[in-house]
């Protein structure tokens, strides 16, 4: 994802379960994804803005988009498996 300082990379830890966790913005992106799917991108943006404000999360908007896209891919994968 992109920040004002330049591109940033996310790295997943596969080797140790105790070191893995999901960032709060990733969880919030799940609801935002559903809101976008239901035709309410305005509510998705509002929710993420409010989440970030109240959680003290200064996530870059591009990271929010990455998380929403990731959740959409997971949803599509699950639907295909079913």
PDB file of N, CA and C in Angstrom:
ATOM      1  N   UNK A   1       0.836  -1.162   0.000  1.00  0.00           N
ATOM      2  CA  UNK A   1       0.000   0.000   0.000  1.00  0.00           C
ATOM      3  C   UNK A   1       0.881   1.225   0.000  1.00  0.00           C
ATOM      4  N   UNK A   2       0.317   2.372  -0.352  1.00  0.00           N
ATOM      5  CA  UNK A   2       1.098   3.602  -0.478  1.00  0.00           C
ATOM      6  C   UNK A   2       0.823   4.554   0.678  1.00  0.00           C
ATOM      7  N   UNK A   3       1.876   5.193   1.132  1.00  0.00           N
ATOM      8  CA  UNK A   3       1.768   6.235   2.145  1.00  0.00           C
ATOM      9  C   UNK A   3       2.445   7.487   1.595  1.00  0.00           C
ATOM     10  N   UNK A   4       2.371   8.575   2.334  1.00  0.00           N
ATOM     11  CA  UNK A   4       3.054   9.796   1.909  1.00  0.00           C
ATOM     12  C   UNK A   4       4.566   9.595   1.842  1.00  0.00           C
ATOM     13  N   UNK A   5       5.077   8.655   2.642  1.00  0.00           N
ATOM     14  CA  UNK A   5       6.513   8.381   2.665  1.00  0.00           C
ATOM     15  C   UNK A   5       6.941   7.398   1.579  1.00  0.00           C
ATOM     16  N   UNK A   6       5.987   6.821   0.867  1.00  0.00           N
ATOM     17  CA  UNK A   6       6.300   5.857  -0.191  1.00  0.00           C
ATOM     18  C   UNK A   6       5.610   4.533   0.049  1.00  0.00           C
ATOM     19  N   UNK A   7       5.907   3.544  -0.798  1.00  0.00           N
ATOM     20  CA  UNK A   7       5.238   2.242  -0.671  1.00  0.00           C
ATOM     21  C   UNK A   7       5.652   1.503   0.602  1.00  0.00           C
ATOM     22  N   UNK A   8       4.700   0.769   1.169  1.00  0.00           N
ATOM     23  CA  UNK A   8       4.949  -0.044   2.358  1.00  0.00           C
ATOM     24  C   UNK A   8       4.554  -1.480   2.031  1.00  0.00           C
ATOM     25  N   UNK A   9       5.223  -2.436   2.639  1.00  0.00           N
ATOM     26  CA  UNK A   9       4.932  -3.849   2.419  1.00  0.00           C
ATOM     27  C   UNK A   9       4.357  -4.470   3.676  1.00  0.00           C
ATOM     28  N   UNK A  10       3.417  -5.382   3.492  1.00  0.00           N
ATOM     29  CA  UNK A  10       2.880  -6.165   4.598  1.00  0.00           C
ATOM     30  C   UNK A  10       3.527  -7.536   4.543  1.00  0.00           C
ATOM     31  N   UNK A  11       3.842  -8.089   5.699  1.00  0.00           N
ATOM     32  CA  UNK A  11       4.478  -9.398   5.754  1.00  0.00           C
ATOM     33  C   UNK A  11       3.679 -10.283   6.689  1.00  0.00           C
ATOM     34  N   UNK A  12       3.341 -11.462   6.229  1.00  0.00           N
ATOM     35  CA  UNK A  12       2.590 -12.417   7.043  1.00  0.00           C
ATOM     36  C   UNK A  12       3.563 -13.396   7.690  1.00  0.00           C
ATOM     37  N   UNK A  13       3.408 -13.609   8.983  1.00  0.00           N
ATOM     38  CA  UNK A  13       4.250 -14.565   9.687  1.00  0.00           C
ATOM     39  C   UNK A  13       3.596 -15.936   9.632  1.00  0.00           C
ATOM     40  N   UNK A  14       4.199 -16.848   8.934  1.00  0.00           N
ATOM     41  CA  UNK A  14       3.643 -18.185   8.769  1.00  0.00           C
ATOM     42  C   UNK A  14       4.237 -19.182   9.754  1.00  0.00           C
ATOM     43  N   UNK A  15       5.369 -18.868  10.337  1.00  0.00           N
ATOM     44  CA  UNK A  15       6.122 -19.869  11.076  1.00  0.00           C
ATOM     45  C   UNK A  15       5.783 -19.969  12.558  1.00  0.00           C
ATOM     46  N   UNK A  16       5.030 -19.017  13.114  1.00  0.00           N
ATOM     47  CA  UNK A  16       4.760 -19.036  14.547  1.00  0.00           C
ATOM     48  C   UNK A  16       3.378 -18.454  14.824  1.00  0.00           C
ATOM     49  N   UNK A  17       2.433 -19.318  15.229  1.00  0.00           N
ATOM     50  CA  UNK A  17       1.061 -18.874  15.486  1.00  0.00           C
ATOM     51  C   UNK A  17       0.976 -17.767  16.532  1.00  0.00           C
ATOM     52  N   UNK A  18       1.873 -17.778  17.505  1.00  0.00           N
ATOM     53  CA  UNK A  18       1.800 -16.776  18.570  1.00  0.00           C
ATOM     54  C   UNK A  18       2.182 -15.383  18.074  1.00  0.00           C
ATOM     55  N   UNK A  19       2.839 -15.312  16.936  1.00  0.00           N
ATOM     56  CA  UNK A  19       3.249 -14.019  16.389  1.00  0.00           C
ATOM     57  C   UNK A  19       2.241 -13.461  15.385  1.00  0.00           C
ATOM     58  N   UNK A  20       1.211 -14.243  15.068  1.00  0.00           N
ATOM     59  CA  UNK A  20       0.216 -13.799  14.088  1.00  0.00           C
ATOM     60  C   UNK A  20      -0.947 -13.111  14.780  1.00  0.00           C
ATOM     61  N   UNK A  21      -1.390 -12.040  14.227  1.00  0.00           N
ATOM     62  CA  UNK A  21      -2.594 -11.360  14.693  1.00  0.00           C
ATOM     63  C   UNK A  21      -3.113 -10.506  13.544  1.00  0.00           C
ATOM     64  N   UNK A  22      -4.339 -10.086  13.656  1.00  0.00           N
ATOM     65  CA  UNK A  22      -4.937  -9.262  12.614  1.00  0.00           C
ATOM     66  C   UNK A  22      -5.075  -7.841  13.139  1.00  0.00           C
ATOM     67  N   UNK A  23      -4.662  -6.901  12.355  1.00  0.00           N
ATOM     68  CA  UNK A  23      -4.791  -5.500  12.712  1.00  0.00           C
ATOM     69  C   UNK A  23      -6.267  -5.121  12.760  1.00  0.00           C
ATOM     70  N   UNK A  24      -6.611  -4.206  13.622  1.00  0.00           N
ATOM     71  CA  UNK A  24      -7.999  -3.777  13.761  1.00  0.00           C
ATOM     72  C   UNK A  24      -8.595  -3.246  12.472  1.00  0.00           C
ATOM     73  N   UNK A  25      -7.797  -2.550  11.669  1.00  0.00           N
ATOM     74  CA  UNK A  25      -8.317  -2.005  10.414  1.00  0.00           C
ATOM     75  C   UNK A  25      -8.722  -3.132   9.475  1.00  0.00           C
ATOM     76  N   UNK A  26      -8.065  -4.274   9.581  1.00  0.00           N
ATOM     77  CA  UNK A  26      -8.431  -5.424   8.750  1.00  0.00           C
ATOM     78  C   UNK A  26      -9.811  -5.936   9.142  1.00  0.00           C
ATOM     79  N   UNK A  27     -10.079  -6.009  10.433  1.00  0.00           N
ATOM     80  CA  UNK A  27     -11.413  -6.419  10.887  1.00  0.00           C
ATOM     81  C   UNK A  27     -12.464  -5.391  10.480  1.00  0.00           C
ATOM     82  N   UNK A  28     -12.156  -4.123  10.633  1.00  0.00           N
ATOM     83  CA  UNK A  28     -13.104  -3.071  10.264  1.00  0.00           C
ATOM     84  C   UNK A  28     -13.381  -3.090   8.763  1.00  0.00           C
ATOM     85  N   UNK A  29     -12.391  -3.471   7.989  1.00  0.00           N
ATOM     86  CA  UNK A  29     -12.555  -3.532   6.533  1.00  0.00           C
ATOM     87  C   UNK A  29     -13.594  -4.566   6.119  1.00  0.00           C
ATOM     88  N   UNK A  30     -13.808  -5.578   6.954  1.00  0.00           N
ATOM     89  CA  UNK A  30     -14.802  -6.605   6.631  1.00  0.00           C
ATOM     90  C   UNK A  30     -16.195  -5.983   6.551  1.00  0.00           C
ATOM     91  N   UNK A  31     -16.550  -5.149   7.525  1.00  0.00           N
ATOM     92  CA  UNK A  31     -17.843  -4.462   7.487  1.00  0.00           C
ATOM     93  C   UNK A  31     -17.882  -3.463   6.333  1.00  0.00           C
ATOM     94  N   UNK A  32     -16.792  -2.740   6.130  1.00  0.00           N
ATOM     95  CA  UNK A  32     -16.742  -1.772   5.034  1.00  0.00           C
ATOM     96  C   UNK A  32     -16.951  -2.464   3.689  1.00  0.00           C
ATOM     97  N   UNK A  33     -16.372  -3.656   3.529  1.00  0.00           N
ATOM     98  CA  UNK A  33     -16.557  -4.419   2.296  1.00  0.00           C
ATOM     99  C   UNK A  33     -18.030  -4.734   2.078  1.00  0.00           C
ATOM    100  N   UNK A  34     -18.706  -5.181   3.127  1.00  0.00           N
ATOM    101  CA  UNK A  34     -20.132  -5.490   3.014  1.00  0.00           C
ATOM    102  C   UNK A  34     -20.938  -4.239   2.669  1.00  0.00           C
ATOM    103  N   UNK A  35     -20.614  -3.125   3.290  1.00  0.00           N
ATOM    104  CA  UNK A  35     -21.332  -1.884   2.996  1.00  0.00           C
ATOM    105  C   UNK A  35     -21.137  -1.464   1.541  1.00  0.00           C
ATOM    106  N   UNK A  36     -19.910  -1.601   1.035  1.00  0.00           N
ATOM    107  CA  UNK A  36     -19.665  -1.282  -0.370  1.00  0.00           C
ATOM    108  C   UNK A  36     -20.456  -2.217  -1.277  1.00  0.00           C
ATOM    109  N   UNK A  37     -20.457  -3.509  -0.958  1.00  0.00           N
ATOM    110  CA  UNK A  37     -21.196  -4.498  -1.755  1.00  0.00           C
ATOM    111  C   UNK A  37     -22.688  -4.177  -1.783  1.00  0.00           C
ATOM    112  N   UNK A  38     -23.205  -3.680  -0.680  1.00  0.00           N
ATOM    113  CA  UNK A  38     -24.628  -3.354  -0.579  1.00  0.00           C
ATOM    114  C   UNK A  38     -24.961  -1.976  -1.159  1.00  0.00           C
ATOM    115  N   UNK A  39     -23.975  -1.367  -1.816  1.00  0.00           N
ATOM    116  CA  UNK A  39     -24.221  -0.103  -2.499  1.00  0.00           C
ATOM    117  C   UNK A  39     -24.107   1.132  -1.638  1.00  0.00           C
ATOM    118  N   UNK A  40     -23.436   1.018  -0.497  1.00  0.00           N
ATOM    119  CA  UNK A  40     -23.291   2.162   0.406  1.00  0.00           C
ATOM    120  C   UNK A  40     -21.820   2.472   0.691  1.00  0.00           C
ATOM    121  N   UNK A  41     -21.065   2.827  -0.361  1.00  0.00           N
ATOM    122  CA  UNK A  41     -19.666   3.189  -0.119  1.00  0.00           C
ATOM    123  C   UNK A  41     -19.532   4.403   0.796  1.00  0.00           C
ATOM    124  N   UNK A  42     -20.565   5.259   0.816  1.00  0.00           N
ATOM    125  CA  UNK A  42     -20.534   6.414   1.714  1.00  0.00           C
ATOM    126  C   UNK A  42     -20.507   5.969   3.175  1.00  0.00           C
ATOM    127  N   UNK A  43     -21.303   4.948   3.506  1.00  0.00           N
ATOM    128  CA  UNK A  43     -21.300   4.431   4.879  1.00  0.00           C
ATOM    129  C   UNK A  43     -20.002   3.684   5.188  1.00  0.00           C
ATOM    130  N   UNK A  44     -19.451   3.003   4.189  1.00  0.00           N
ATOM    131  CA  UNK A  44     -18.173   2.312   4.384  1.00  0.00           C
ATOM    132  C   UNK A  44     -17.089   3.322   4.746  1.00  0.00           C
ATOM    133  N   UNK A  45     -17.022   4.412   3.988  1.00  0.00           N
ATOM    134  CA  UNK A  45     -16.025   5.452   4.268  1.00  0.00           C
ATOM    135  C   UNK A  45     -16.264   6.092   5.633  1.00  0.00           C
ATOM    136  N   UNK A  46     -17.526   6.388   5.934  1.00  0.00           N
ATOM    137  CA  UNK A  46     -17.863   6.990   7.225  1.00  0.00           C
ATOM    138  C   UNK A  46     -17.457   6.063   8.370  1.00  0.00           C
ATOM    139  N   UNK A  47     -17.803   4.784   8.244  1.00  0.00           N
ATOM    140  CA  UNK A  47     -17.466   3.821   9.291  1.00  0.00           C
ATOM    141  C   UNK A  47     -15.957   3.737   9.499  1.00  0.00           C
ATOM    142  N   UNK A  48     -15.204   3.606   8.405  1.00  0.00           N
ATOM    143  CA  UNK A  48     -13.749   3.496   8.552  1.00  0.00           C
ATOM    144  C   UNK A  48     -13.147   4.771   9.134  1.00  0.00           C
ATOM    145  N   UNK A  49     -13.640   5.925   8.707  1.00  0.00           N
ATOM    146  CA  UNK A  49     -13.149   7.190   9.283  1.00  0.00           C
ATOM    147  C   UNK A  49     -13.415   7.242  10.787  1.00  0.00           C
ATOM    148  N   UNK A  50     -14.631   6.869  11.186  1.00  0.00           N
ATOM    149  CA  UNK A  50     -14.986   6.884  12.607  1.00  0.00           C
ATOM    150  C   UNK A  50     -14.192   5.836  13.385  1.00  0.00           C
ATOM    151  N   UNK A  51     -14.028   4.649  12.793  1.00  0.00           N
ATOM    152  CA  UNK A  51     -13.230   3.610  13.455  1.00  0.00           C
ATOM    153  C   UNK A  51     -11.822   4.142  13.718  1.00  0.00           C
ATOM    154  N   UNK A  52     -11.205   4.688  12.681  1.00  0.00           N
ATOM    155  CA  UNK A  52      -9.830   5.171  12.820  1.00  0.00           C
ATOM    156  C   UNK A  52      -9.736   6.300  13.844  1.00  0.00           C
ATOM    157  N   UNK A  53     -10.729   7.180  13.856  1.00  0.00           N
ATOM    158  CA  UNK A  53     -10.749   8.279  14.820  1.00  0.00           C
ATOM    159  C   UNK A  53     -10.827   7.753  16.249  1.00  0.00           C
ATOM    160  N   UNK A  54     -11.765   6.864  16.509  1.00  0.00           N
ATOM    161  CA  UNK A  54     -11.981   6.375  17.875  1.00  0.00           C
ATOM    162  C   UNK A  54     -10.944   5.347  18.318  1.00  0.00           C
ATOM    163  N   UNK A  55     -10.356   4.637  17.373  1.00  0.00           N
ATOM    164  CA  UNK A  55      -9.340   3.641  17.719  1.00  0.00           C
ATOM    165  C   UNK A  55      -7.941   4.254  17.765  1.00  0.00           C
ATOM    166  N   UNK A  56      -7.822   5.504  17.347  1.00  0.00           N
ATOM    167  CA  UNK A  56      -6.501   6.119  17.294  1.00  0.00           C
ATOM    168  C   UNK A  56      -5.633   5.499  16.221  1.00  0.00           C
ATOM    169  N   UNK A  57      -6.269   5.005  15.169  1.00  0.00           N
ATOM    170  CA  UNK A  57      -5.580   4.315  14.075  1.00  0.00           C
ATOM    171  C   UNK A  57      -5.384   5.298  12.928  1.00  0.00           C
ATOM    172  N   UNK A  58      -4.146   5.582  12.613  1.00  0.00           N
ATOM    173  CA  UNK A  58      -3.841   6.535  11.544  1.00  0.00           C
ATOM    174  C   UNK A  58      -3.510   5.821  10.241  1.00  0.00           C
ATOM    175  N   UNK A  59      -4.220   4.746   9.951  1.00  0.00           N
ATOM    176  CA  UNK A  59      -3.955   3.971   8.740  1.00  0.00           C
ATOM    177  C   UNK A  59      -4.105   4.826   7.491  1.00  0.00           C
ATOM    178  N   UNK A  60      -3.191   4.619   6.558  1.00  0.00           N
ATOM    179  CA  UNK A  60      -3.280   5.315   5.274  1.00  0.00           C
ATOM    180  C   UNK A  60      -4.518   4.832   4.522  1.00  0.00           C
ATOM    181  N   UNK A  61      -5.201   5.736   3.822  1.00  0.00           N
ATOM    182  CA  UNK A  61      -6.377   5.309   3.046  1.00  0.00           C
ATOM    183  C   UNK A  61      -6.071   4.157   2.091  1.00  0.00           C
ATOM    184  N   UNK A  62      -4.868   4.136   1.525  1.00  0.00           N
ATOM    185  CA  UNK A  62      -4.539   3.042   0.605  1.00  0.00           C
ATOM    186  C   UNK A  62      -4.475   1.701   1.332  1.00  0.00           C
ATOM    187  N   UNK A  63      -4.094   1.695   2.605  1.00  0.00           N
ATOM    188  CA  UNK A  63      -4.097   0.450   3.372  1.00  0.00           C
ATOM    189  C   UNK A  63      -5.531  -0.011   3.606  1.00  0.00           C
ATOM    190  N   UNK A  64      -6.412   0.930   3.835  1.00  0.00           N
ATOM    191  CA  UNK A  64      -7.826   0.576   3.998  1.00  0.00           C
ATOM    192  C   UNK A  64      -8.339  -0.130   2.750  1.00  0.00           C
ATOM    193  N   UNK A  65      -7.957   0.395   1.581  1.00  0.00           N
ATOM    194  CA  UNK A  65      -8.395  -0.217   0.322  1.00  0.00           C
ATOM    195  C   UNK A  65      -7.810  -1.614   0.148  1.00  0.00           C
ATOM    196  N   UNK A  66      -6.566  -1.793   0.552  1.00  0.00           N
ATOM    197  CA  UNK A  66      -5.941  -3.119   0.484  1.00  0.00           C
ATOM    198  C   UNK A  66      -6.705  -4.098   1.371  1.00  0.00           C
ATOM    199  N   UNK A  67      -7.057  -3.677   2.571  1.00  0.00           N
ATOM    200  CA  UNK A  67      -7.784  -4.558   3.495  1.00  0.00           C
ATOM    201  C   UNK A  67      -9.169  -4.904   2.963  1.00  0.00           C
ATOM    202  N   UNK A  68      -9.864  -3.933   2.384  1.00  0.00           N
ATOM    203  CA  UNK A  68     -11.183  -4.200   1.805  1.00  0.00           C
ATOM    204  C   UNK A  68     -11.048  -5.173   0.640  1.00  0.00           C
ATOM    205  N   UNK A  69     -10.058  -4.960  -0.209  1.00  0.00           N
ATOM    206  CA  UNK A  69      -9.848  -5.862  -1.348  1.00  0.00           C
ATOM    207  C   UNK A  69      -9.504  -7.267  -0.866  1.00  0.00           C
ATOM    208  N   UNK A  70      -8.666  -7.366   0.150  1.00  0.00           N
ATOM    209  CA  UNK A  70      -8.305  -8.674   0.695  1.00  0.00           C
ATOM    210  C   UNK A  70      -9.544  -9.398   1.216  1.00  0.00           C
ATOM    211  N   UNK A  71     -10.372  -8.692   1.962  1.00  0.00           N
ATOM    212  CA  UNK A  71     -11.595  -9.306   2.493  1.00  0.00           C
ATOM    213  C   UNK A  71     -12.525  -9.737   1.370  1.00  0.00           C
ATOM    214  N   UNK A  72     -12.596  -8.961   0.294  1.00  0.00           N
ATOM    215  CA  UNK A  72     -13.439  -9.325  -0.850  1.00  0.00           C
ATOM    216  C   UNK A  72     -12.923 -10.596  -1.520  1.00  0.00           C
ATOM    217  N   UNK A  73     -11.605 -10.726  -1.629  1.00  0.00           N
ATOM    218  CA  UNK A  73     -11.021 -11.938  -2.217  1.00  0.00           C
ATOM    219  C   UNK A  73     -11.312 -13.145  -1.335  1.00  0.00           C
ATOM    220  N   UNK A  74     -11.185 -12.989  -0.026  1.00  0.00           N
ATOM    221  CA  UNK A  74     -11.497 -14.090   0.892  1.00  0.00           C
ATOM    222  C   UNK A  74     -12.965 -14.476   0.759  1.00  0.00           C
ATOM    223  N   UNK A  75     -13.853 -13.496   0.693  1.00  0.00           N
ATOM    224  CA  UNK A  75     -15.288 -13.780   0.532  1.00  0.00           C
ATOM    225  C   UNK A  75     -15.538 -14.542  -0.771  1.00  0.00           C
ATOM    226  N   UNK A  76     -14.898 -14.115  -1.867  1.00  0.00           N
ATOM    227  CA  UNK A  76     -15.067 -14.792  -3.158  1.00  0.00           C
ATOM    228  C   UNK A  76     -14.542 -16.221  -3.098  1.00  0.00           C
ATOM    229  N   UNK A  77     -13.411 -16.410  -2.441  1.00  0.00           N
ATOM    230  CA  UNK A  77     -12.827 -17.747  -2.306  1.00  0.00           C
ATOM    231  C   UNK A  77     -13.772 -18.669  -1.543  1.00  0.00           C
ATOM    232  N   UNK A  78     -14.310 -18.190  -0.446  1.00  0.00           N
ATOM    233  CA  UNK A  78     -15.246 -18.993   0.351  1.00  0.00           C
ATOM    234  C   UNK A  78     -16.483 -19.331  -0.472  1.00  0.00           C
ATOM    235  N   UNK A  79     -17.004 -18.354  -1.215  1.00  0.00           N
ATOM    236  CA  UNK A  79     -18.176 -18.610  -2.056  1.00  0.00           C
ATOM    237  C   UNK A  79     -17.878 -19.654  -3.127  1.00  0.00           C
ATOM    238  N   UNK A  80     -16.677 -19.618  -3.683  1.00  0.00           N
ATOM    239  CA  UNK A  80     -16.296 -20.615  -4.700  1.00  0.00           C
ATOM    240  C   UNK A  80     -16.173 -22.012  -4.099  1.00  0.00           C
ATOM    241  N   UNK A  81     -15.662 -22.096  -2.892  1.00  0.00           N
ATOM    242  CA  UNK A  81     -15.500 -23.394  -2.228  1.00  0.00           C
ATOM    243  C   UNK A  81     -16.854 -24.001  -1.908  1.00  0.00           C
ATOM    244  N   UNK A  82     -17.811 -23.166  -1.563  1.00  0.00           N
ATOM    245  CA  UNK A  82     -19.148 -23.663  -1.226  1.00  0.00           C
ATOM    246  C   UNK A  82     -19.789 -24.214  -2.459  1.00  0.00           C
TER     247      UNK A  82
END
